[in-house]
Amino acid sequence: MSVEVRLFAALRDAAGTARTTSEAATVGALLDELAARYGEPFASRSRRATVVLDEDPVTDPGTPLADGACVVLLPPFSGGSSSMHC
């Protein structure tokens, strides 16, 4: 199983990449994995991130991730627009 992850703005900067993949089974497991992988300040920024799963915002960390899903992580920001497609 593989999930595509796109990172924007401060999260992209903290991770040093705009795209990555994961085999996490849930949104919460994905966030934990990425926090462990990229360390601070990624971990603290990701706690406040908006999580978009296949173009739908999700808030439940128990939300399951399917093979081929696209997860977009957006840090808090105001104004402008950005493409949330994988």
C-alpha atoms as a PDB file:
ATOM      1  CA  MET A   1       0.000   0.000   0.000  1.00  0.00           C
ATOM      2  CA  SER A   2       1.230   3.474  -0.789  1.00  0.00           C
ATOM      3  CA  VAL A   3      -0.206   6.933  -0.142  1.00  0.00           C
ATOM      4  CA  GLU A   4       1.043  10.063  -1.886  1.00  0.00           C
ATOM      5  CA  VAL A   5       1.630  13.048   0.399  1.00  0.00           C
ATOM      6  CA  ARG A   6       1.999  16.657  -0.726  1.00  0.00           C
ATOM      7  CA  LEU A   7       3.430  19.251   1.630  1.00  0.00           C
ATOM      8  CA  PHE A   8       2.980  22.994   1.310  1.00  0.00           C
ATOM      9  CA  ALA A   9       4.588  26.181   2.638  1.00  0.00           C
ATOM     10  CA  ALA A  10       6.181  25.825   6.103  1.00  0.00           C
ATOM     11  CA  LEU A  11       5.643  22.052   6.138  1.00  0.00           C
ATOM     12  CA  ARG A  12       7.433  21.691   2.805  1.00  0.00           C
ATOM     13  CA  ASP A  13      10.268  23.857   4.084  1.00  0.00           C
ATOM     14  CA  ALA A  14      10.583  21.879   7.330  1.00  0.00           C
ATOM     15  CA  ALA A  15      10.607  18.540   5.476  1.00  0.00           C
ATOM     16  CA  GLY A  16      12.877  19.704   2.685  1.00  0.00           C
ATOM     17  CA  THR A  17      10.544  18.208   0.088  1.00  0.00           C
ATOM     18  CA  ALA A  18       7.172  18.931  -1.475  1.00  0.00           C
ATOM     19  CA  ARG A  19       6.208  15.272  -2.034  1.00  0.00           C
ATOM     20  CA  THR A  20       6.690  11.996  -0.257  1.00  0.00           C
ATOM     21  CA  THR A  21       4.979   8.650   0.149  1.00  0.00           C
ATOM     22  CA  SER A  22       3.841   6.605   3.106  1.00  0.00           C
ATOM     23  CA  GLU A  23       2.396   3.205   3.911  1.00  0.00           C
ATOM     24  CA  ALA A  24       0.458   4.494   6.953  1.00  0.00           C
ATOM     25  CA  ALA A  25      -2.995   3.018   7.487  1.00  0.00           C
ATOM     26  CA  THR A  26      -4.634   6.090   9.067  1.00  0.00           C
ATOM     27  CA  VAL A  27      -4.296   9.875   9.023  1.00  0.00           C
ATOM     28  CA  GLY A  28      -2.972   9.837  12.599  1.00  0.00           C
ATOM     29  CA  ALA A  29      -0.374   7.186  11.802  1.00  0.00           C
ATOM     30  CA  LEU A  30       0.693   9.233   8.765  1.00  0.00           C
ATOM     31  CA  LEU A  31       1.176  12.382  10.829  1.00  0.00           C
ATOM     32  CA  ASP A  32       3.141  10.440  13.467  1.00  0.00           C
ATOM     33  CA  GLU A  33       5.328   8.837  10.794  1.00  0.00           C
ATOM     34  CA  LEU A  34       6.086  12.159   9.105  1.00  0.00           C
ATOM     35  CA  ALA A  35       6.819  13.855  12.438  1.00  0.00           C
ATOM     36  CA  ALA A  36       9.299  11.087  13.276  1.00  0.00           C
ATOM     37  CA  ARG A  37      10.819  11.214   9.788  1.00  0.00           C
ATOM     38  CA  TYR A  38      11.255  15.000   9.588  1.00  0.00           C
ATOM     39  CA  GLY A  39      11.603  15.954  13.284  1.00  0.00           C
ATOM     40  CA  GLU A  40      11.153  19.448  14.640  1.00  0.00           C
ATOM     41  CA  PRO A  41       9.938  21.978  13.504  1.00  0.00           C
ATOM     42  CA  PHE A  42       7.887  19.773  11.153  1.00  0.00           C
ATOM     43  CA  ALA A  43       6.248  17.949  14.080  1.00  0.00           C
ATOM     44  CA  SER A  44       5.008  21.120  15.789  1.00  0.00           C
ATOM     45  CA  ARG A  45       3.773  22.616  12.520  1.00  0.00           C
ATOM     46  CA  SER A  46       1.977  19.448  11.440  1.00  0.00           C
ATOM     47  CA  ARG A  47      -0.099  19.399  14.654  1.00  0.00           C
ATOM     48  CA  ARG A  48      -1.949  22.489  13.373  1.00  0.00           C
ATOM     49  CA  ALA A  49      -2.079  21.435   9.721  1.00  0.00           C
ATOM     50  CA  THR A  50      -5.197  21.055   7.669  1.00  0.00           C
ATOM     51  CA  VAL A  51      -5.345  17.512   6.311  1.00  0.00           C
ATOM     52  CA  VAL A  52      -7.022  17.031   2.935  1.00  0.00           C
ATOM     53  CA  LEU A  53      -7.667  13.461   1.829  1.00  0.00           C
ATOM     54  CA  ASP A  54      -8.562  13.038  -1.834  1.00  0.00           C
ATOM     55  CA  GLU A  55      -9.755  16.682  -1.926  1.00  0.00           C
ATOM     56  CA  ASP A  56     -11.908  16.416   1.259  1.00  0.00           C
ATOM     57  CA  PRO A  57     -10.748  17.943   4.564  1.00  0.00           C
ATOM     58  CA  VAL A  58     -10.556  15.443   7.424  1.00  0.00           C
ATOM     59  CA  THR A  59     -10.192  15.997  11.167  1.00  0.00           C
ATOM     60  CA  ASP A  60     -10.408  12.465  12.570  1.00  0.00           C
ATOM     61  CA  PRO A  61      -6.938  10.932  13.007  1.00  0.00           C
ATOM     62  CA  GLY A  62      -8.562   7.512  12.759  1.00  0.00           C
ATOM     63  CA  THR A  63      -9.623   8.140   9.158  1.00  0.00           C
ATOM     64  CA  PRO A  64      -8.327   5.199   7.103  1.00  0.00           C
ATOM     65  CA  LEU A  65      -6.043   5.691   4.123  1.00  0.00           C
ATOM     66  CA  ALA A  66      -6.569   3.565   1.020  1.00  0.00           C
ATOM     67  CA  ASP A  67      -3.904   2.474  -1.418  1.00  0.00           C
ATOM     68  CA  GLY A  68      -3.337   5.270  -3.933  1.00  0.00           C
ATOM     69  CA  ALA A  69      -4.893   7.960  -1.755  1.00  0.00           C
ATOM     70  CA  CYS A  70      -3.639  11.527  -1.949  1.00  0.00           C
ATOM     71  CA  VAL A  71      -3.062  13.448   1.278  1.00  0.00           C
ATOM     72  CA  VAL A  72      -2.317  17.160   1.224  1.00  0.00           C
ATOM     73  CA  LEU A  73      -0.972  18.861   4.357  1.00  0.00           C
ATOM     74  CA  LEU A  74      -1.512  22.601   4.611  1.00  0.00           C
ATOM     75  CA  PRO A  75      -0.156  24.655   7.509  1.00  0.00           C
ATOM     76  CA  PRO A  76      -2.341  27.481   8.846  1.00  0.00           C
ATOM     77  CA  PHE A  77      -2.249  30.377   6.410  1.00  0.00           C
ATOM     78  CA  SER A  78      -4.423  33.177   5.127  1.00  0.00           C
ATOM     79  CA  GLY A  79      -5.176  34.487   1.683  1.00  0.00           C
ATOM     80  CA  GLY A  80      -4.187  33.146  -1.703  1.00  0.00           C
ATOM     81  CA  SER A  81      -5.044  29.809  -3.156  1.00  0.00           C
ATOM     82  CA  SER A  82      -3.186  26.669  -3.942  1.00  0.00           C
ATOM     83  CA  SER A  83      -3.889  23.562  -5.953  1.00  0.00           C
ATOM     84  CA  MET A  84      -4.641  20.664  -3.636  1.00  0.00           C
ATOM     85  CA  HIS A  85      -4.358  17.973  -6.289  1.00  0.00           C
ATOM     86  CA  CYS A  86      -1.734  15.232  -6.192  1.00  0.00           C
END
